[in-house]
Amino acid sequence: MPVALRWFDGTVALLKDIATARRLLRNILVSRRNRRAVAQQAPGHPHPAPGTIKIAVYFADTKVNLYQIRQWYDPLAELAKTWPVAIIARSPSTILELWNESPVPTVYVRRVTELEQFVNEQDVRIVFYVNQNAKNFQMFRYGRMWHVFINHGESDKMYMTTNQFKAYDYSLVAGDAAIERLRHKLWDFDMKKKVIKIGRPQADHFAGELPYAPDDRVVVLYAPTWEGDREAAAYGSIASHGVTLVKALLGTGRHRVIYRPHPRSGVSDPEYKAANDEIIAAIARANVADPTAQHVFDNGPVLGWQLAAADVAITDISAMVYDRLATGKPLIVTRPSVPAAEIDETGYLGACEWLLASDAPSIVSIAERVLVDSEAHERLRFWVERHFGNTSPGVATKRFHAAVDKLMVEWVKHERIHAGDTRGSEGDPFDDDDDDDAPGGE
């Protein structure tokens, strides 16, 4: 190798090492600062009284993934009226946010010994998990409680069929599409016993104060995902579609854009981050040019009003597709521009309204068409039912609560068996003749 090339390679490697060292140092300093803040604020947030908590939500991630649990805030608050709920956090940055915004008690347990103390002093019968964090296994070690995966959304991402589903005692899923997806992908998985359909209880809380005054503008929600950490999961459209389609909508004078990017957008791809920044800047300029437009860049913790308020939604392949689908309103899905991105078209994605990157300049006419296309509306109704079942207000919440109630009954049955009392231990708690609103495996 020529000397100059060796020098260049060595310099690049050195610069990467310096950047890595700086990043690690920055993370250490942030972590120390957060731990000091937790120590200062902890006296104002005492643990719930011993023996009071029946349901725990285990969240071991950092605050960058808080969106995964935020969408469960309202359903958990409603559930807590019947069964006392607490969120267990393992990260100092996370607990600082949860103390400010969670509607249910939150507990910080940094060390495994602290987690063990919490488990020993409480009466936890069900533990919910919203993601597949590796630290979930530190909670799995505890028996005599149900470990239940509730996920952080319904989608056709490959994440939704991971073999990790088998690690949980039960999984709460949205509907028939999720069951079919799991049946197709997982070997030797007892679907009837392990999977419980509840619909989408979050949709019962899709409301909130609008940050604009409604008028005759067509409201378009653009809610892309992040760029992904590998080509198979490269579903993000901000760089390929987003800049073009947002600028086209901003330029009509007839549309109001709500832009809600994934909070991780641009974390691994500078080009993707630059495109995200360009869209945010374009929205700011459009609002300065026409204050009545009231376009919205939304990075807030609350998700719901955006989905309900938009006349048309544009999303990437992500849980946002199905959050929007639960409203039954017009939806466009961006087609990934990375050829290796995995797309499961056996379900809704095989019948959705795709938007190619090359079609992004025509988004105005496409959005107008899906608003009035009766055939598209009929397809949408079919897939809403397929994914969520009955979406009448309150039904999903009822099914969620019924699933929890039956798990509690099953918990009591197993406690009696453990104590040598077999009364009431016959039968399958999920094998009943209730109507369609009751939870069930298949």
Protein backbone atom coordinates (compact mmCIF):
# COMPACT_ATOMS: atom_id res chain seq x y z
CA MET A 1 0.00 0.00 0.00
CA PRO A 2 1.40 3.45 -0.90
CA VAL A 3 2.61 5.55 2.03
CA ALA A 4 0.13 8.33 1.27
CA LEU A 5 -2.80 5.91 1.30
CA ARG A 6 -1.65 4.35 4.58
CA TRP A 7 -1.38 7.85 6.06
CA PHE A 8 -4.88 8.71 4.84
CA ASP A 9 -6.41 5.51 6.25
CA GLY A 10 -4.63 6.04 9.55
CA THR A 11 -5.84 9.64 9.77
CA VAL A 12 -9.45 8.62 9.06
CA ALA A 13 -9.28 5.89 11.71
CA LEU A 14 -7.80 8.36 14.21
CA LEU A 15 -10.55 10.89 13.52
CA LYS A 16 -13.20 8.19 14.00
CA ASP A 17 -11.60 7.17 17.30
CA ILE A 18 -11.57 10.79 18.47
CA ALA A 19 -15.24 11.23 17.49
CA THR A 20 -16.15 8.01 19.30
CA ALA A 21 -14.25 9.10 22.41
CA ARG A 22 -16.00 12.47 22.40
CA ARG A 23 -19.39 10.80 22.04
CA LEU A 24 -18.68 8.42 24.90
CA LEU A 25 -17.45 11.26 27.11
CA ARG A 26 -20.53 13.32 26.28
CA ASN A 27 -22.80 10.38 27.13
CA ILE A 28 -21.01 9.85 30.45
CA LEU A 29 -21.39 13.51 31.37
CA VAL A 30 -25.09 13.53 30.42
CA SER A 31 -25.69 10.35 32.39
CA ARG A 32 -24.01 11.78 35.48
CA ARG A 33 -26.01 14.96 35.20
CA ASN A 34 -29.23 12.98 34.89
CA ARG A 35 -28.38 10.82 37.90
CA ARG A 36 -27.76 13.94 39.98
CA ALA A 37 -31.12 15.33 38.87
CA VAL A 38 -32.83 12.04 39.78
CA ALA A 39 -31.24 12.08 43.25
CA GLN A 40 -32.47 15.65 43.80
CA GLN A 41 -36.03 14.96 42.62
CA ALA A 42 -36.52 11.45 44.02
CA PRO A 43 -37.78 12.57 47.47
CA GLY A 44 -40.75 14.19 45.74
CA HIS A 45 -41.64 10.93 43.99
CA PRO A 46 -41.87 8.18 46.63
CA HIS A 47 -42.60 4.59 45.63
CA PRO A 48 -46.21 3.43 45.88
CA ALA A 49 -47.16 1.94 49.24
CA PRO A 50 -46.10 -1.71 49.60
CA GLY A 51 -48.62 -4.23 48.35
CA THR A 52 -50.64 -1.74 46.32
CA ILE A 53 -49.41 -2.27 42.74
CA LYS A 54 -51.06 -5.09 40.77
CA ILE A 55 -49.79 -4.23 37.26
CA ALA A 56 -46.32 -3.01 36.31
CA VAL A 57 -45.23 -1.66 32.94
CA TYR A 58 -41.54 -2.45 32.51
CA PHE A 59 -39.60 0.10 30.43
CA ALA A 60 -35.83 -0.29 30.38
CA ASP A 61 -35.13 2.07 27.46
CA THR A 62 -33.78 5.62 27.36
CA LYS A 63 -35.93 8.66 26.75
CA VAL A 64 -35.36 8.58 22.97
CA ASN A 65 -37.83 5.66 22.84
CA LEU A 66 -40.39 7.10 25.25
CA TYR A 67 -42.81 7.34 22.32
CA GLN A 68 -43.26 3.59 22.77
CA ILE A 69 -44.87 3.98 26.17
CA ARG A 70 -46.44 7.42 25.74
CA GLN A 71 -49.11 6.00 23.47
CA TRP A 72 -50.21 3.78 26.36
CA TYR A 73 -50.63 6.64 28.86
CA ASP A 74 -54.38 7.08 28.42
CA PRO A 75 -55.27 3.36 28.34
CA LEU A 76 -53.10 2.79 31.43
CA ALA A 77 -54.71 5.69 33.29
CA GLU A 78 -58.12 4.23 32.50
CA LEU A 79 -57.02 0.75 33.59
CA ALA A 80 -55.59 2.13 36.84
CA LYS A 81 -59.09 3.04 37.95
CA THR A 82 -59.64 -0.71 38.40
CA TRP A 83 -56.17 -2.21 38.80
CA PRO A 84 -53.37 -0.10 40.34
CA VAL A 85 -50.62 0.42 37.75
CA ALA A 86 -47.03 1.63 38.00
CA ILE A 87 -44.33 2.14 35.36
CA ILE A 88 -40.88 0.76 36.16
CA ALA A 89 -38.06 2.77 34.54
CA ARG A 90 -34.39 1.78 34.45
CA SER A 91 -32.89 4.88 32.81
CA PRO A 92 -32.37 8.22 34.62
CA SER A 93 -33.22 10.23 31.48
CA THR A 94 -36.45 8.27 31.17
CA ILE A 95 -37.60 8.65 34.76
CA LEU A 96 -37.06 12.42 34.66
CA GLU A 97 -39.48 12.62 31.72
CA LEU A 98 -41.95 10.17 33.26
CA TRP A 99 -42.09 12.08 36.53
CA ASN A 100 -43.19 15.11 34.53
CA GLU A 101 -45.78 13.50 32.28
CA SER A 102 -46.91 10.01 33.30
CA PRO A 103 -50.55 9.74 34.45
CA VAL A 104 -49.71 6.71 36.64
CA PRO A 105 -47.03 6.29 39.35
CA THR A 106 -43.49 5.76 38.08
CA VAL A 107 -40.65 3.98 39.85
CA TYR A 108 -36.93 4.33 39.18
CA VAL A 109 -34.92 1.14 39.73
CA ARG A 110 -31.44 1.51 38.30
CA ARG A 111 -29.97 -1.66 39.81
CA VAL A 112 -31.29 -5.22 39.69
CA THR A 113 -31.25 -5.30 43.48
CA GLU A 114 -33.63 -2.33 43.52
CA LEU A 115 -35.87 -4.07 41.01
CA GLU A 116 -35.92 -7.14 43.23
CA GLN A 117 -36.86 -5.02 46.24
CA PHE A 118 -39.77 -3.48 44.33
CA VAL A 119 -41.03 -6.90 43.21
CA ASN A 120 -40.77 -8.28 46.76
CA GLU A 121 -42.67 -5.41 48.36
CA GLN A 122 -45.46 -5.14 45.79
CA ASP A 123 -48.25 -7.50 44.70
CA VAL A 124 -47.43 -7.49 40.98
CA ARG A 125 -49.54 -9.97 39.06
CA ILE A 126 -49.09 -8.73 35.48
CA VAL A 127 -46.07 -7.10 33.84
CA PHE A 128 -46.56 -5.32 30.52
CA TYR A 129 -43.75 -4.81 27.99
CA VAL A 130 -43.93 -2.34 25.10
CA ASN A 131 -40.66 -3.29 23.36
CA GLN A 132 -38.01 -6.00 23.07
CA ASN A 133 -35.23 -4.34 25.08
CA ALA A 134 -32.57 -6.87 26.15
CA LYS A 135 -33.06 -5.78 29.78
CA ASN A 136 -36.57 -7.24 29.66
CA PHE A 137 -34.89 -10.51 30.61
CA GLN A 138 -33.92 -9.01 33.95
CA MET A 139 -37.63 -8.81 34.69
CA PHE A 140 -38.46 -12.20 33.16
CA ARG A 141 -36.58 -13.92 35.98
CA TYR A 142 -39.53 -13.36 38.32
CA GLY A 143 -42.19 -16.03 38.30
CA ARG A 144 -45.69 -16.06 39.83
CA MET A 145 -46.71 -13.17 37.60
CA TRP A 146 -47.79 -12.94 33.96
CA HIS A 147 -45.31 -11.40 31.54
CA VAL A 148 -47.40 -9.83 28.76
CA PHE A 149 -46.21 -8.18 25.55
CA ILE A 150 -48.46 -5.28 24.57
CA ASN A 151 -46.07 -3.76 22.00
CA HIS A 152 -45.98 -0.10 20.99
CA GLY A 153 -48.05 -0.37 17.86
CA GLU A 154 -49.59 -2.54 15.18
CA SER A 155 -47.68 -2.77 11.91
CA ASP A 156 -46.35 -5.06 9.20
CA LYS A 157 -42.72 -4.42 10.09
CA MET A 158 -40.62 -7.55 10.57
CA TYR A 159 -40.43 -6.49 14.24
CA MET A 160 -44.03 -7.64 14.59
CA THR A 161 -43.18 -11.30 13.94
CA THR A 162 -39.98 -11.72 15.92
CA ASN A 163 -39.47 -15.06 17.64
CA GLN A 164 -39.20 -13.08 20.88
CA PHE A 165 -42.99 -13.30 21.14
CA LYS A 166 -42.40 -16.79 22.52
CA ALA A 167 -40.65 -15.37 25.59
CA TYR A 168 -43.89 -13.94 26.99
CA ASP A 169 -46.70 -15.73 28.75
CA TYR A 170 -49.22 -13.81 26.63
CA SER A 171 -49.28 -11.17 23.92
CA LEU A 172 -52.08 -8.64 23.43
CA VAL A 173 -52.53 -7.91 19.73
CA ALA A 174 -54.88 -5.76 17.69
CA GLY A 175 -56.83 -8.29 15.65
CA ASP A 176 -57.02 -11.02 13.03
CA ALA A 177 -54.26 -9.56 10.85
CA ALA A 178 -51.76 -9.78 13.70
CA ILE A 179 -52.72 -13.37 14.41
CA GLU A 180 -52.37 -14.34 10.78
CA ARG A 181 -49.00 -12.59 10.61
CA LEU A 182 -47.69 -14.52 13.61
CA ARG A 183 -49.12 -17.81 12.37
CA HIS A 184 -47.35 -17.33 9.05
CA LYS A 185 -43.95 -16.49 10.55
CA LEU A 186 -43.54 -18.40 13.82
CA TRP A 187 -43.01 -22.13 14.22
CA ASP A 188 -44.72 -24.11 16.97
CA PHE A 189 -46.32 -21.08 18.63
CA ASP A 190 -49.51 -21.78 20.58
CA MET A 191 -51.62 -18.98 19.11
CA LYS A 192 -54.87 -19.95 20.81
CA LYS A 193 -53.36 -19.90 24.28
CA LYS A 194 -50.77 -17.16 23.99
CA VAL A 195 -52.40 -14.44 21.87
CA ILE A 196 -55.32 -12.24 22.92
CA LYS A 197 -57.11 -9.81 20.59
CA ILE A 198 -57.96 -6.42 22.09
CA GLY A 199 -58.18 -4.00 19.15
CA ARG A 200 -56.49 -0.63 19.57
CA PRO A 201 -57.51 0.91 22.95
CA GLN A 202 -55.41 4.00 22.19
CA ALA A 203 -57.92 4.92 19.48
CA ASP A 204 -60.54 5.51 22.17
CA HIS A 205 -58.40 8.47 23.26
CA PHE A 206 -57.56 10.00 19.88
CA ALA A 207 -58.53 13.51 20.84
CA GLY A 208 -56.94 16.68 22.12
CA GLU A 209 -56.76 20.42 21.68
CA LEU A 210 -55.81 21.43 18.15
CA PRO A 211 -52.84 23.81 17.77
CA TYR A 212 -54.65 25.63 14.96
CA ALA A 213 -58.08 27.07 14.25
CA PRO A 214 -59.98 24.72 11.89
CA ASP A 215 -61.06 26.25 8.58
CA ASP A 216 -61.69 25.04 5.03
CA ARG A 217 -58.11 23.92 4.37
CA VAL A 218 -57.49 20.23 3.72
CA VAL A 219 -55.38 18.95 6.62
CA VAL A 220 -52.61 16.52 5.62
CA LEU A 221 -50.64 14.62 8.25
CA TYR A 222 -47.17 13.50 7.17
CA ALA A 223 -45.77 11.12 9.80
CA PRO A 224 -42.61 9.40 8.53
CA THR A 225 -40.47 6.94 10.45
CA TRP A 226 -36.69 7.11 10.97
CA GLU A 227 -34.11 5.85 8.49
CA GLY A 228 -33.59 2.48 10.18
CA ASP A 229 -30.37 0.78 11.19
CA ARG A 230 -30.11 -1.63 8.22
CA GLU A 231 -31.35 -1.85 4.65
CA ALA A 232 -34.01 -4.45 5.44
CA ALA A 233 -35.64 -1.94 7.80
CA ALA A 234 -35.01 1.22 5.74
CA TYR A 235 -38.63 2.37 5.65
CA GLY A 236 -38.01 6.09 6.19
CA SER A 237 -39.13 8.49 3.44
CA ILE A 238 -38.02 11.92 4.65
CA ALA A 239 -35.07 12.13 2.24
CA SER A 240 -36.65 10.26 -0.68
CA HIS A 241 -40.23 11.56 -0.60
CA GLY A 242 -40.66 14.00 2.24
CA VAL A 243 -39.00 17.22 1.17
CA THR A 244 -40.72 17.14 -2.21
CA LEU A 245 -44.21 16.27 -1.01
CA VAL A 246 -44.22 18.71 1.92
CA LYS A 247 -43.07 21.62 -0.26
CA ALA A 248 -45.75 20.76 -2.82
CA LEU A 249 -48.48 20.82 -0.16
CA LEU A 250 -47.14 24.00 1.44
CA GLY A 251 -47.30 25.75 -1.91
CA THR A 252 -51.00 25.29 -2.68
CA GLY A 253 -52.53 27.68 -0.18
CA ARG A 254 -55.32 25.10 0.22
CA HIS A 255 -53.62 22.62 2.54
CA ARG A 256 -52.46 22.59 6.14
CA VAL A 257 -49.52 20.29 6.83
CA ILE A 258 -48.97 18.54 10.15
CA TYR A 259 -45.43 17.18 10.13
CA ARG A 260 -44.68 14.60 12.82
CA PRO A 261 -41.33 12.86 12.19
CA HIS A 262 -40.13 9.90 14.22
CA PRO A 263 -38.05 11.16 17.17
CA ARG A 264 -35.04 9.15 15.97
CA SER A 265 -35.02 10.71 12.51
CA GLY A 266 -31.45 11.38 11.42
CA VAL A 267 -29.67 9.62 14.28
CA SER A 268 -27.58 7.49 11.92
CA ASP A 269 -27.78 9.21 8.53
CA PRO A 270 -26.66 12.86 8.13
CA GLU A 271 -28.52 13.16 4.81
CA TYR A 272 -31.73 12.05 6.47
CA LYS A 273 -31.21 14.55 9.29
CA ALA A 274 -30.58 17.34 6.78
CA ALA A 275 -33.82 16.50 4.94
CA ASN A 276 -35.73 16.54 8.23
CA ASP A 277 -34.26 19.95 9.08
CA GLU A 278 -35.16 21.23 5.60
CA ILE A 279 -38.82 20.26 6.05
CA ILE A 280 -38.99 21.91 9.47
CA ALA A 281 -37.45 25.09 8.04
CA ALA A 282 -39.85 25.07 5.08
CA ILE A 283 -42.84 24.86 7.43
CA ALA A 284 -41.50 27.79 9.47
CA ARG A 285 -41.04 29.90 6.31
CA ALA A 286 -44.54 29.05 5.07
CA ASN A 287 -46.07 30.18 8.35
CA VAL A 288 -44.16 33.45 8.22
CA ALA A 289 -45.30 34.05 4.64
CA ASP A 290 -48.93 33.23 5.51
CA PRO A 291 -49.76 33.18 9.25
CA THR A 292 -53.29 31.95 8.51
CA ALA A 293 -51.86 28.69 7.12
CA GLN A 294 -50.97 27.44 10.62
CA HIS A 295 -48.87 24.53 9.42
CA VAL A 296 -47.61 22.40 12.31
CA PHE A 297 -44.26 20.84 13.11
CA ASP A 298 -45.24 18.42 15.84
CA ASN A 299 -42.68 16.77 18.11
CA GLY A 300 -44.83 16.67 21.24
CA PRO A 301 -45.42 13.66 23.49
CA VAL A 302 -49.13 13.33 22.72
CA LEU A 303 -50.29 11.24 19.77
CA GLY A 304 -53.95 11.12 18.83
CA TRP A 305 -55.36 14.46 17.76
CA GLN A 306 -53.11 14.41 14.67
CA LEU A 307 -54.58 11.10 13.49
CA ALA A 308 -58.17 12.14 14.12
CA ALA A 309 -57.91 15.67 12.73
CA ALA A 310 -56.17 14.97 9.42
CA ASP A 311 -58.31 14.65 6.28
CA VAL A 312 -55.50 12.65 4.65
CA ALA A 313 -52.51 10.96 6.26
CA ILE A 314 -49.19 10.02 4.65
CA THR A 315 -47.05 7.57 6.59
CA ASP A 316 -44.17 5.19 6.11
CA ILE A 317 -44.31 1.47 6.86
CA SER A 318 -44.56 1.73 10.63
CA ALA A 319 -47.05 1.56 13.47
CA MET A 320 -48.37 4.94 12.29
CA VAL A 321 -50.02 3.17 9.34
CA TYR A 322 -52.18 1.21 11.72
CA ASP A 323 -52.76 4.00 14.22
CA ARG A 324 -54.22 5.94 11.31
CA LEU A 325 -56.02 2.88 9.95
CA ALA A 326 -57.88 2.64 13.26
CA THR A 327 -59.58 5.97 12.46
CA GLY A 328 -60.95 4.61 9.15
CA LYS A 329 -59.90 7.79 7.29
CA PRO A 330 -57.93 8.14 3.99
CA LEU A 331 -54.33 6.95 4.15
CA ILE A 332 -51.33 6.92 1.79
CA VAL A 333 -48.23 4.80 2.47
CA THR A 334 -44.80 5.67 1.08
CA ARG A 335 -43.06 2.91 -0.84
CA PRO A 336 -39.47 2.49 0.46
CA SER A 337 -36.86 3.64 -2.04
CA VAL A 338 -34.32 1.11 -0.73
CA PRO A 339 -34.87 -2.10 -2.74
CA ALA A 340 -33.75 -4.34 0.14
CA ALA A 341 -36.40 -3.00 2.54
CA GLU A 342 -38.61 -5.91 3.59
CA ILE A 343 -42.29 -5.41 2.78
CA ASP A 344 -44.95 -7.90 3.82
CA GLU A 345 -47.70 -7.44 1.24
CA THR A 346 -49.80 -10.37 2.40
CA GLY A 347 -51.87 -7.97 4.54
CA TYR A 348 -52.95 -4.35 4.27
CA LEU A 349 -49.76 -3.33 2.49
CA GLY A 350 -50.86 -5.48 -0.42
CA ALA A 351 -53.94 -3.29 -0.89
CA CYS A 352 -52.88 0.14 0.38
CA GLU A 353 -52.45 3.39 -1.53
CA TRP A 354 -48.70 3.38 -2.29
CA LEU A 355 -46.73 6.56 -2.92
CA LEU A 356 -43.53 6.06 -4.91
CA ALA A 357 -40.71 8.57 -4.55
CA SER A 358 -41.18 9.43 -8.22
CA ASP A 359 -44.85 10.30 -7.50
CA ALA A 360 -44.08 12.66 -4.62
CA PRO A 361 -44.28 15.77 -6.87
CA SER A 362 -47.91 14.77 -7.67
CA ILE A 363 -48.97 14.45 -4.04
CA VAL A 364 -51.58 17.22 -4.30
CA SER A 365 -53.62 15.43 -6.98
CA ILE A 366 -53.09 12.06 -5.27
CA ALA A 367 -54.34 13.41 -1.94
CA GLU A 368 -57.40 14.90 -3.64
CA ARG A 369 -58.18 11.57 -5.30
CA VAL A 370 -58.06 9.44 -2.14
CA LEU A 371 -60.48 11.82 -0.44
CA VAL A 372 -63.24 10.97 -2.92
CA ASP A 373 -62.32 7.50 -4.20
CA SER A 374 -65.24 5.28 -3.14
CA GLU A 375 -63.45 2.07 -4.10
CA ALA A 376 -60.48 3.03 -1.93
CA HIS A 377 -62.83 3.81 0.95
CA GLU A 378 -64.41 0.36 0.66
CA ARG A 379 -61.00 -1.34 0.77
CA LEU A 380 -60.11 0.76 3.78
CA ARG A 381 -63.21 -0.36 5.69
CA PHE A 382 -62.33 -4.00 5.04
CA TRP A 383 -58.81 -3.61 6.40
CA VAL A 384 -59.91 -1.61 9.43
CA GLU A 385 -62.10 -4.56 10.41
CA ARG A 386 -59.34 -7.03 9.59
CA HIS A 387 -56.78 -5.31 11.80
CA PHE A 388 -58.88 -4.01 14.68
CA GLY A 389 -62.26 -5.70 14.69
CA ASN A 390 -65.06 -3.52 16.01
CA THR A 391 -63.74 0.06 16.21
CA SER A 392 -66.85 1.57 17.77
CA PRO A 393 -65.91 3.99 20.56
CA GLY A 394 -65.09 2.20 23.80
CA VAL A 395 -65.07 -1.34 22.43
CA ALA A 396 -61.27 -1.74 22.38
CA THR A 397 -61.00 -0.40 25.92
CA LYS A 398 -63.62 -2.92 27.02
CA ARG A 399 -61.66 -5.75 25.41
CA PHE A 400 -58.39 -4.58 26.98
CA HIS A 401 -59.96 -4.52 30.42
CA ALA A 402 -61.61 -7.90 29.86
CA ALA A 403 -58.24 -9.42 28.93
CA VAL A 404 -56.66 -8.03 32.10
CA ASP A 405 -59.57 -9.24 34.24
CA LYS A 406 -59.25 -12.76 32.87
CA LEU A 407 -55.49 -12.78 33.39
CA MET A 408 -56.13 -11.80 36.99
CA VAL A 409 -58.55 -14.72 37.35
CA GLU A 410 -55.94 -17.03 35.88
CA TRP A 411 -53.33 -15.65 38.28
CA VAL A 412 -55.56 -16.48 41.27
CA LYS A 413 -56.13 -19.99 39.89
CA HIS A 414 -52.40 -20.64 39.65
CA GLU A 415 -51.78 -19.23 43.13
CA ARG A 416 -54.36 -21.64 44.50
CA ILE A 417 -52.75 -24.55 42.67
CA HIS A 418 -49.38 -23.53 44.08
CA ALA A 419 -50.90 -23.47 47.56
CA GLY A 420 -52.55 -26.87 47.04
CA ASP A 421 -56.07 -25.46 46.59
CA THR A 422 -57.50 -26.59 43.24
CA ARG A 423 -60.89 -24.91 43.56
CA GLY A 424 -61.90 -23.06 40.39
CA SER A 425 -58.92 -24.37 38.44
CA GLU A 426 -60.86 -26.04 35.65
CA GLY A 427 -61.20 -24.62 32.16
CA ASP A 428 -59.43 -22.18 29.92
CA PRO A 429 -60.02 -18.54 30.97
CA PHE A 430 -59.97 -17.45 27.33
CA ASP A 431 -62.24 -20.21 26.03
CA ASP A 432 -65.72 -18.77 26.46
CA ASP A 433 -68.86 -18.01 24.54
CA ASP A 434 -68.78 -14.23 24.93
CA ASP A 435 -69.63 -11.99 22.01
CA ASP A 436 -67.09 -10.66 19.54
CA ASP A 437 -65.96 -7.96 21.96
CA ALA A 438 -64.41 -10.48 24.32
CA PRO A 439 -60.68 -11.28 24.03
CA GLY A 440 -59.68 -14.51 22.38
CA GLY A 441 -56.84 -16.12 20.52
CA GLU A 442 -58.36 -16.93 17.15
